[in-house]
Every structure is written in structure tokens, then in C-alpha cells.
Amino acid sequence: MNINARCGALFPEILREKVLQHQADLGLSFDGDADRLIAVDEQGVVRDGDYILVICLHAWLREGRLTTRRVVGTVMSNLGVELAVRALGCEFIRAPVGDRYVLEEMMRTQAQLGGEQSGHLIFLDYHTTGDGILTALQLLQILRKSGKPLSALADSLQKYPQVLVNVPVAVRTDPLSCPAVRQAVETIQKDLGDGGRILVRLSGTEPVARVMIEGRNADKIRVQAHQLGEVIRQELGGT
């Protein structure tokens, strides 16, 4: 049985429709085992873990709750999160995807806040694992104290457009070990400059290479992501 089948945090569109239908102030969506949270604001905009992490950071800084100015995200955290964290005078540390890796990095660096775009957030002062109920309580407390709607608090994060492409591969080797792939990545990164980011990695569960590009221009990075994906397909023999 799939506890996440077309419901909860993996399908926030259902919640979005209900928030708009009932003119609710907020919607909260958990996954099947309730270790992650995705929110929907009063305007029907989905706010993922990136937004919640930055909102919590702002609040904790105001309240003087951080003993270390470090925040842990993952390689998939939006570039906007890194820039927002750094703008607040904090260090942003990227871990591999997975809440266990976020926790390991938090323990290593003594960071109190960490989380993933997927809605796994860890508040080390309270717990050593993701807990959607705890995350919801933290968010609700911040909303009550601020007296502002979620949409206003979410303005503290300006996300960069992000494009994800999955490329089937026949050879399970690091795509970046191929000179042609490395060259393509370097060319695109040079074009993006400081205003963009590229991530290329093999999936741990499927025979695919995952390409992620972030940048200021959504149309441009969409073309670049598919161009890079085609180079990977040619080099690694996917179908």
C-alpha cells in the first residue's frame, strides 16, 4: 500500500483547491508518515520546505534563538535559499539529498535549523528527525506572533526558476566523469555566472541521470537543461 498515493504533501494541488474554495487563511499538508510539511498560503500559492526554512530562520533570528548562525539545506535547495540565508549573515551548508544527511551535517556543524525542499525540516533544539506536526506548530506560532499572512512572510524568499530533467542512462557511471559532459556543464555555468547553478547526479533508485539548472531566466535554463540532458544521453547510451 502506498501511503502517499495522490494525497498529502506530494500532491499539494488538492489542498490548494480546498484553500481557495473555503477562503481559508492557510492550508497544511503532511505526507503519509507525517514527517514533512507543505503549506498553502491564503492566495492558494504552494509554499514548500524552502519557504518554511527561511521563514523559521527569520523568526529565530529575531527572537535570538540561534546560538550558531548556520543553516543546513541540500544540493536541491533553491539558490534563492542560499542567498537569503547569506543576506541574514548566516552560513548556508549543503548536504546530499535525504533528511539523514541533513541531520549528519547539522550535528557536525552544530546547526539548529535544517531542511529539504520536500518539506522535511529538522529543529535540533526539539528533535533529531523530521516531524511535520512540529514544523506546522513552529509555522503557526510564527504566523500568530507576526500577525501577518503566510504570503507576506514568504516574501522573505525570492526563488530562482529551477528546471529538472531526468535522462535515462544505460551506463551507471558519474556523468561528470565524461569529458563531453564536463565541458557542457562548464560552458553553461560560465554563461550563468553567479546567477545560476547546475547539479548533475545519478539517481539512487532509477537508471536515470538527474539534471537540475537554476537561473534568472526560466526559458533560457529550460533550453540549457535539455541541451545538457542530450549530451548525457549521447555519452551514457540511454534510450
C-alpha atoms as a PDB file:
ATOM      1  CA  MET A   1       0.000   0.000   0.000  1.00  0.00           C
ATOM      2  CA  ASN A   2       1.313   3.449  -0.945  1.00  0.00           C
ATOM      3  CA  ILE A   3       0.691   5.837   1.946  1.00  0.00           C
ATOM      4  CA  ASN A   4       1.372   8.822  -0.345  1.00  0.00           C
ATOM      5  CA  ALA A   5      -0.867   7.810  -3.247  1.00  0.00           C
ATOM      6  CA  ARG A   6      -2.291  11.001  -4.760  1.00  0.00           C
ATOM      7  CA  CYS A   7      -2.617  12.760  -1.436  1.00  0.00           C
ATOM      8  CA  GLY A   8      -0.806  14.870   1.117  1.00  0.00           C
ATOM      9  CA  ALA A   9       2.450  16.736   0.737  1.00  0.00           C
ATOM     10  CA  LEU A  10       3.294  15.040  -2.578  1.00  0.00           C
ATOM     11  CA  PHE A  11       0.069  16.356  -4.177  1.00  0.00           C
ATOM     12  CA  PRO A  12      -0.467  19.871  -2.756  1.00  0.00           C
ATOM     13  CA  GLU A  13      -2.745  20.857  -5.654  1.00  0.00           C
ATOM     14  CA  ILE A  14      -5.644  19.115  -3.881  1.00  0.00           C
ATOM     15  CA  LEU A  15      -5.091  21.229  -0.775  1.00  0.00           C
ATOM     16  CA  ARG A  16      -4.675  24.356  -2.882  1.00  0.00           C
ATOM     17  CA  GLU A  17      -8.132  23.853  -4.369  1.00  0.00           C
ATOM     18  CA  LYS A  18      -9.670  23.460  -0.897  1.00  0.00           C
ATOM     19  CA  VAL A  19      -7.945  26.578   0.486  1.00  0.00           C
ATOM     20  CA  LEU A  20      -9.340  28.668  -2.361  1.00  0.00           C
ATOM     21  CA  GLN A  21     -12.768  27.023  -2.221  1.00  0.00           C
ATOM     22  CA  HIS A  22     -13.196  27.717   1.505  1.00  0.00           C
ATOM     23  CA  GLN A  23     -11.262  31.017   1.518  1.00  0.00           C
ATOM     24  CA  ALA A  24      -9.030  29.583   4.245  1.00  0.00           C
ATOM     25  CA  ASP A  25      -6.207  31.540   5.836  1.00  0.00           C
ATOM     26  CA  LEU A  26      -3.814  28.611   5.474  1.00  0.00           C
ATOM     27  CA  GLY A  27      -3.547  25.008   4.386  1.00  0.00           C
ATOM     28  CA  LEU A  28      -1.213  22.389   5.861  1.00  0.00           C
ATOM     29  CA  SER A  29      -0.397  19.129   4.108  1.00  0.00           C
ATOM     30  CA  PHE A  30       1.548  16.188   5.534  1.00  0.00           C
ATOM     31  CA  ASP A  31       2.860  13.070   3.860  1.00  0.00           C
ATOM     32  CA  GLY A  32       1.811   9.547   4.810  1.00  0.00           C
ATOM     33  CA  ASP A  33       4.103   9.193   7.817  1.00  0.00           C
ATOM     34  CA  ALA A  34       3.791  12.889   8.730  1.00  0.00           C
ATOM     35  CA  ASP A  35       7.495  13.675   8.753  1.00  0.00           C
ATOM     36  CA  ARG A  36       7.198  16.506   6.239  1.00  0.00           C
ATOM     37  CA  LEU A  37       5.019  19.548   5.716  1.00  0.00           C
ATOM     38  CA  ILE A  38       3.975  21.547   2.681  1.00  0.00           C
ATOM     39  CA  ALA A  39       1.864  24.679   3.226  1.00  0.00           C
ATOM     40  CA  VAL A  40      -0.535  26.630   1.018  1.00  0.00           C
ATOM     41  CA  ASP A  41      -0.990  30.335   1.696  1.00  0.00           C
ATOM     42  CA  GLU A  42      -4.261  32.270   1.665  1.00  0.00           C
ATOM     43  CA  GLN A  43      -3.773  33.117  -2.012  1.00  0.00           C
ATOM     44  CA  GLY A  44      -3.501  29.456  -2.973  1.00  0.00           C
ATOM     45  CA  VAL A  45       0.266  29.502  -3.527  1.00  0.00           C
ATOM     46  CA  VAL A  46       2.121  26.337  -2.512  1.00  0.00           C
ATOM     47  CA  ARG A  47       4.953  27.015  -0.051  1.00  0.00           C
ATOM     48  CA  ASP A  48       7.440  24.163   0.174  1.00  0.00           C
ATOM     49  CA  GLY A  49      10.206  23.405   2.650  1.00  0.00           C
ATOM     50  CA  ASP A  50      12.493  26.079   1.203  1.00  0.00           C
ATOM     51  CA  TYR A  51       9.990  28.789   2.137  1.00  0.00           C
ATOM     52  CA  ILE A  52       9.291  27.339   5.572  1.00  0.00           C
ATOM     53  CA  LEU A  53      13.005  27.056   6.357  1.00  0.00           C
ATOM     54  CA  VAL A  54      13.681  30.715   5.534  1.00  0.00           C
ATOM     55  CA  ILE A  55      10.563  31.879   7.418  1.00  0.00           C
ATOM     56  CA  CYS A  56      11.723  29.980  10.502  1.00  0.00           C
ATOM     57  CA  LEU A  57      15.233  31.405  10.184  1.00  0.00           C
ATOM     58  CA  HIS A  58      13.922  34.979  10.129  1.00  0.00           C
ATOM     59  CA  ALA A  59      11.798  34.332  13.207  1.00  0.00           C
ATOM     60  CA  TRP A  60      14.520  32.578  15.172  1.00  0.00           C
ATOM     61  CA  LEU A  61      16.993  35.342  14.438  1.00  0.00           C
ATOM     62  CA  ARG A  62      14.509  37.976  15.646  1.00  0.00           C
ATOM     63  CA  GLU A  63      13.939  36.010  18.829  1.00  0.00           C
ATOM     64  CA  GLY A  64      17.640  35.365  19.449  1.00  0.00           C
ATOM     65  CA  ARG A  65      17.146  31.610  19.407  1.00  0.00           C
ATOM     66  CA  LEU A  66      20.177  30.742  17.252  1.00  0.00           C
ATOM     67  CA  THR A  67      23.423  30.035  19.059  1.00  0.00           C
ATOM     68  CA  THR A  68      25.176  29.311  15.758  1.00  0.00           C
ATOM     69  CA  ARG A  69      24.456  31.208  12.565  1.00  0.00           C
ATOM     70  CA  ARG A  70      24.393  28.098  10.378  1.00  0.00           C
ATOM     71  CA  VAL A  71      21.590  26.567   8.341  1.00  0.00           C
ATOM     72  CA  VAL A  72      21.721  23.216   6.541  1.00  0.00           C
ATOM     73  CA  GLY A  73      19.922  22.542   3.268  1.00  0.00           C
ATOM     74  CA  THR A  74      20.622  20.088   0.470  1.00  0.00           C
ATOM     75  CA  VAL A  75      22.063  20.193  -3.018  1.00  0.00           C
ATOM     76  CA  MET A  76      18.456  20.581  -4.218  1.00  0.00           C
ATOM     77  CA  SER A  77      17.680  23.624  -2.067  1.00  0.00           C
ATOM     78  CA  ASN A  78      16.862  26.565  -4.304  1.00  0.00           C
ATOM     79  CA  LEU A  79      19.650  29.072  -4.905  1.00  0.00           C
ATOM     80  CA  GLY A  80      17.340  31.728  -3.505  1.00  0.00           C
ATOM     81  CA  VAL A  81      17.509  29.999  -0.113  1.00  0.00           C
ATOM     82  CA  GLU A  82      21.298  30.210  -0.048  1.00  0.00           C
ATOM     83  CA  LEU A  83      21.224  33.892  -0.986  1.00  0.00           C
ATOM     84  CA  ALA A  84      18.518  34.672   1.602  1.00  0.00           C
ATOM     85  CA  VAL A  85      20.438  32.885   4.359  1.00  0.00           C
ATOM     86  CA  ARG A  86      23.679  34.626   3.490  1.00  0.00           C
ATOM     87  CA  ALA A  87      21.923  38.010   3.347  1.00  0.00           C
ATOM     88  CA  LEU A  88      20.993  37.470   7.002  1.00  0.00           C
ATOM     89  CA  GLY A  89      24.639  36.965   7.914  1.00  0.00           C
ATOM     90  CA  CYS A  90      24.351  33.198   8.261  1.00  0.00           C
ATOM     91  CA  GLU A  91      26.259  30.341   6.656  1.00  0.00           C
ATOM     92  CA  PHE A  92      24.357  28.003   4.324  1.00  0.00           C
ATOM     93  CA  ILE A  93      25.645  24.429   4.170  1.00  0.00           C
ATOM     94  CA  ARG A  94      24.500  21.944   1.520  1.00  0.00           C
ATOM     95  CA  ALA A  95      24.167  18.242   2.322  1.00  0.00           C
ATOM     96  CA  PRO A  96      23.261  15.380  -0.034  1.00  0.00           C
ATOM     97  CA  VAL A  97      19.530  14.789  -0.564  1.00  0.00           C
ATOM     98  CA  GLY A  98      17.921  12.966   2.355  1.00  0.00           C
ATOM     99  CA  ASP A  99      16.977  14.029   5.867  1.00  0.00           C
ATOM    100  CA  ARG A 100      19.551  11.661   7.379  1.00  0.00           C
ATOM    101  CA  TYR A 101      22.307  13.596   5.575  1.00  0.00           C
ATOM    102  CA  VAL A 102      20.825  16.917   6.667  1.00  0.00           C
ATOM    103  CA  LEU A 103      20.913  15.682  10.273  1.00  0.00           C
ATOM    104  CA  GLU A 104      24.506  14.460   9.945  1.00  0.00           C
ATOM    105  CA  GLU A 105      25.607  17.867   8.691  1.00  0.00           C
ATOM    106  CA  MET A 106      23.622  19.640  11.410  1.00  0.00           C
ATOM    107  CA  MET A 107      25.294  17.528  14.078  1.00  0.00           C
ATOM    108  CA  ARG A 108      28.708  18.134  12.551  1.00  0.00           C
ATOM    109  CA  THR A 109      28.284  21.914  12.311  1.00  0.00           C
ATOM    110  CA  GLN A 110      26.041  22.372  15.388  1.00  0.00           C
ATOM    111  CA  ALA A 111      23.358  23.976  13.213  1.00  0.00           C
ATOM    112  CA  GLN A 112      19.934  24.225  14.848  1.00  0.00           C
ATOM    113  CA  LEU A 113      17.897  24.588  11.649  1.00  0.00           C
ATOM    114  CA  GLY A 114      17.966  22.367   8.612  1.00  0.00           C
ATOM    115  CA  GLY A 115      15.649  21.033   5.982  1.00  0.00           C
ATOM    116  CA  GLU A 116      14.759  19.967   2.484  1.00  0.00           C
ATOM    117  CA  GLN A 117      12.639  21.440  -0.276  1.00  0.00           C
ATOM    118  CA  SER A 118      10.384  18.396   0.098  1.00  0.00           C
ATOM    119  CA  GLY A 119       9.207  19.609   3.499  1.00  0.00           C
ATOM    120  CA  HIS A 120      11.463  17.610   5.802  1.00  0.00           C
ATOM    121  CA  LEU A 121      12.562  20.156   8.411  1.00  0.00           C
ATOM    122  CA  ILE A 122      14.683  19.403  11.464  1.00  0.00           C
ATOM    123  CA  PHE A 123      14.664  21.604  14.560  1.00  0.00           C
ATOM    124  CA  LEU A 124      17.596  20.234  16.518  1.00  0.00           C
ATOM    125  CA  ASP A 125      16.534  22.014  19.710  1.00  0.00           C
ATOM    126  CA  TYR A 126      13.476  19.736  19.753  1.00  0.00           C
ATOM    127  CA  HIS A 127      14.148  16.609  17.732  1.00  0.00           C
ATOM    128  CA  THR A 128      16.699  14.748  15.602  1.00  0.00           C
ATOM    129  CA  THR A 129      14.282  13.865  12.824  1.00  0.00           C
ATOM    130  CA  GLY A 130      11.758  15.482  10.531  1.00  0.00           C
ATOM    131  CA  ASP A 131       8.341  15.924  12.155  1.00  0.00           C
ATOM    132  CA  GLY A 132       5.572  17.531  10.122  1.00  0.00           C
ATOM    133  CA  ILE A 133       3.436  18.278  13.178  1.00  0.00           C
ATOM    134  CA  LEU A 134       6.322  20.040  14.914  1.00  0.00           C
ATOM    135  CA  THR A 135       7.059  22.011  11.742  1.00  0.00           C
ATOM    136  CA  ALA A 136       3.398  23.025  11.492  1.00  0.00           C
ATOM    137  CA  LEU A 137       3.398  24.198  15.124  1.00  0.00           C
ATOM    138  CA  GLN A 138       6.540  26.254  14.539  1.00  0.00           C
ATOM    139  CA  LEU A 139       4.987  27.868  11.460  1.00  0.00           C
ATOM    140  CA  LEU A 140       1.672  28.556  13.171  1.00  0.00           C
ATOM    141  CA  GLN A 141       3.434  30.159  16.133  1.00  0.00           C
ATOM    142  CA  ILE A 142       5.385  32.444  13.802  1.00  0.00           C
ATOM    143  CA  LEU A 143       2.192  33.427  11.976  1.00  0.00           C
ATOM    144  CA  ARG A 144       0.400  34.205  15.244  1.00  0.00           C
ATOM    145  CA  LYS A 145       3.252  36.296  16.630  1.00  0.00           C
ATOM    146  CA  SER A 146       3.745  38.235  13.402  1.00  0.00           C
ATOM    147  CA  GLY A 147       0.062  38.865  12.722  1.00  0.00           C
ATOM    148  CA  LYS A 148       0.871  38.527   9.028  1.00  0.00           C
ATOM    149  CA  PRO A 149      -0.472  36.096   6.421  1.00  0.00           C
ATOM    150  CA  LEU A 150       1.772  33.361   5.103  1.00  0.00           C
ATOM    151  CA  SER A 151       2.063  35.102   1.718  1.00  0.00           C
ATOM    152  CA  ALA A 152       3.686  38.120   3.401  1.00  0.00           C
ATOM    153  CA  LEU A 153       6.167  36.008   5.341  1.00  0.00           C
ATOM    154  CA  ALA A 154       7.010  34.019   2.218  1.00  0.00           C
ATOM    155  CA  ASP A 155       8.184  37.231   0.529  1.00  0.00           C
ATOM    156  CA  SER A 156      11.413  36.806   2.509  1.00  0.00           C
ATOM    157  CA  LEU A 157      12.445  34.214  -0.090  1.00  0.00           C
ATOM    158  CA  GLN A 158      12.765  35.043  -3.778  1.00  0.00           C
ATOM    159  CA  LYS A 159      13.114  31.710  -5.526  1.00  0.00           C
ATOM    160  CA  TYR A 160      15.105  31.309  -8.708  1.00  0.00           C
ATOM    161  CA  PRO A 161      13.473  29.431 -11.606  1.00  0.00           C
ATOM    162  CA  GLN A 162      14.503  25.771 -11.452  1.00  0.00           C
ATOM    163  CA  VAL A 163      14.338  23.156 -14.212  1.00  0.00           C
ATOM    164  CA  LEU A 164      14.668  19.415 -13.597  1.00  0.00           C
ATOM    165  CA  VAL A 165      15.339  16.893 -16.359  1.00  0.00           C
ATOM    166  CA  ASN A 166      15.623  13.107 -15.966  1.00  0.00           C
ATOM    167  CA  VAL A 167      17.822  11.406 -18.569  1.00  0.00           C
ATOM    168  CA  PRO A 168      17.620   7.583 -18.977  1.00  0.00           C
ATOM    169  CA  VAL A 169      21.103   6.040 -18.939  1.00  0.00           C
ATOM    170  CA  ALA A 170      22.392   2.584 -19.799  1.00  0.00           C
ATOM    171  CA  VAL A 171      25.730   3.047 -18.037  1.00  0.00           C
ATOM    172  CA  ARG A 172      25.729   3.746 -14.307  1.00  0.00           C
ATOM    173  CA  THR A 173      28.729   5.995 -14.131  1.00  0.00           C
ATOM    174  CA  ASP A 174      29.107   9.523 -12.859  1.00  0.00           C
ATOM    175  CA  PRO A 175      28.090  11.733 -15.803  1.00  0.00           C
ATOM    176  CA  LEU A 176      30.763  14.248 -14.806  1.00  0.00           C
ATOM    177  CA  SER A 177      33.440  11.622 -15.462  1.00  0.00           C
ATOM    178  CA  CYS A 178      32.696  12.109 -19.185  1.00  0.00           C
ATOM    179  CA  PRO A 179      34.767  14.938 -20.720  1.00  0.00           C
ATOM    180  CA  ALA A 180      31.930  15.992 -23.041  1.00  0.00           C
ATOM    181  CA  VAL A 181      29.513  16.313 -20.125  1.00  0.00           C
ATOM    182  CA  ARG A 182      32.036  18.239 -18.043  1.00  0.00           C
ATOM    183  CA  GLN A 183      32.646  20.600 -20.940  1.00  0.00           C
ATOM    184  CA  ALA A 184      28.919  21.188 -21.422  1.00  0.00           C
ATOM    185  CA  VAL A 185      28.482  21.887 -17.705  1.00  0.00           C
ATOM    186  CA  GLU A 186      31.396  24.319 -17.656  1.00  0.00           C
ATOM    187  CA  THR A 187      30.072  26.163 -20.699  1.00  0.00           C
ATOM    188  CA  ILE A 188      26.596  26.561 -19.218  1.00  0.00           C
ATOM    189  CA  GLN A 189      27.908  27.539 -15.785  1.00  0.00           C
ATOM    190  CA  LYS A 190      30.117  30.204 -17.357  1.00  0.00           C
ATOM    191  CA  ASP A 191      27.059  31.599 -19.107  1.00  0.00           C
ATOM    192  CA  LEU A 192      25.025  31.559 -15.870  1.00  0.00           C
ATOM    193  CA  GLY A 193      27.784  33.163 -13.800  1.00  0.00           C
ATOM    194  CA  ASP A 194      26.916  33.835 -10.152  1.00  0.00           C
ATOM    195  CA  GLY A 195      23.237  33.986 -11.069  1.00  0.00           C
ATOM    196  CA  GLY A 196      22.774  30.278 -11.610  1.00  0.00           C
ATOM    197  CA  ARG A 197      23.665  26.775 -10.528  1.00  0.00           C
ATOM    198  CA  ILE A 198      23.928  23.316 -12.113  1.00  0.00           C
ATOM    199  CA  LEU A 199      23.595  19.918 -10.459  1.00  0.00           C
ATOM    200  CA  VAL A 200      24.160  16.637 -12.309  1.00  0.00           C
ATOM    201  CA  ARG A 201      23.862  13.352 -10.432  1.00  0.00           C
ATOM    202  CA  LEU A 202      22.826   9.737 -10.866  1.00  0.00           C
ATOM    203  CA  SER A 203      19.579   8.674  -9.260  1.00  0.00           C
ATOM    204  CA  GLY A 204      19.989   6.282  -6.368  1.00  0.00           C
ATOM    205  CA  THR A 205      16.769   4.454  -7.252  1.00  0.00           C
ATOM    206  CA  GLU A 206      16.327   4.631 -11.037  1.00  0.00           C
ATOM    207  CA  PRO A 207      18.561   4.195 -14.132  1.00  0.00           C
ATOM    208  CA  VAL A 208      18.495   7.925 -14.832  1.00  0.00           C
ATOM    209  CA  ALA A 209      20.789  10.908 -14.514  1.00  0.00           C
ATOM    210  CA  ARG A 210      19.152  13.951 -12.946  1.00  0.00           C
ATOM    211  CA  VAL A 211      19.933  17.388 -14.320  1.00  0.00           C
ATOM    212  CA  MET A 212      18.955  20.483 -12.359  1.00  0.00           C
ATOM    213  CA  ILE A 213      19.655  24.040 -13.505  1.00  0.00           C
ATOM    214  CA  GLU A 214      18.680  27.245 -11.724  1.00  0.00           C
ATOM    215  CA  GLY A 215      18.970  30.717 -13.137  1.00  0.00           C
ATOM    216  CA  ARG A 216      17.270  34.069 -13.545  1.00  0.00           C
ATOM    217  CA  ASN A 217      15.712  33.317 -16.944  1.00  0.00           C
ATOM    218  CA  ALA A 218      13.316  30.346 -16.912  1.00  0.00           C
ATOM    219  CA  ASP A 219      13.149  29.959 -20.699  1.00  0.00           C
ATOM    220  CA  LYS A 220      16.917  30.048 -21.035  1.00  0.00           C
ATOM    221  CA  ILE A 221      17.652  27.446 -18.380  1.00  0.00           C
ATOM    222  CA  ARG A 222      14.945  25.157 -19.789  1.00  0.00           C
ATOM    223  CA  VAL A 223      16.795  25.092 -23.103  1.00  0.00           C
ATOM    224  CA  GLN A 224      20.148  24.623 -21.356  1.00  0.00           C
ATOM    225  CA  ALA A 225      18.854  21.745 -19.219  1.00  0.00           C
ATOM    226  CA  HIS A 226      17.584  19.853 -22.262  1.00  0.00           C
ATOM    227  CA  GLN A 227      20.828  20.533 -24.151  1.00  0.00           C
ATOM    228  CA  LEU A 228      22.846  19.145 -21.255  1.00  0.00           C
ATOM    229  CA  GLY A 229      20.500  16.177 -20.992  1.00  0.00           C
ATOM    230  CA  GLU A 230      21.058  15.380 -24.661  1.00  0.00           C
ATOM    231  CA  VAL A 231      24.838  15.362 -24.165  1.00  0.00           C
ATOM    232  CA  ILE A 232      24.435  12.943 -21.252  1.00  0.00           C
ATOM    233  CA  ARG A 233      22.144  10.707 -23.309  1.00  0.00           C
ATOM    234  CA  GLN A 234      24.693  10.539 -26.119  1.00  0.00           C
ATOM    235  CA  GLU A 235      27.586   9.788 -23.755  1.00  0.00           C
ATOM    236  CA  LEU A 236      25.896   7.267 -21.448  1.00  0.00           C
ATOM    237  CA  GLY A 237      23.822   5.460 -24.045  1.00  0.00           C
ATOM    238  CA  GLY A 238      20.318   5.964 -22.687  1.00  0.00           C
ATOM    239  CA  THR A 239      17.266   5.231 -24.774  1.00  0.00           C
END
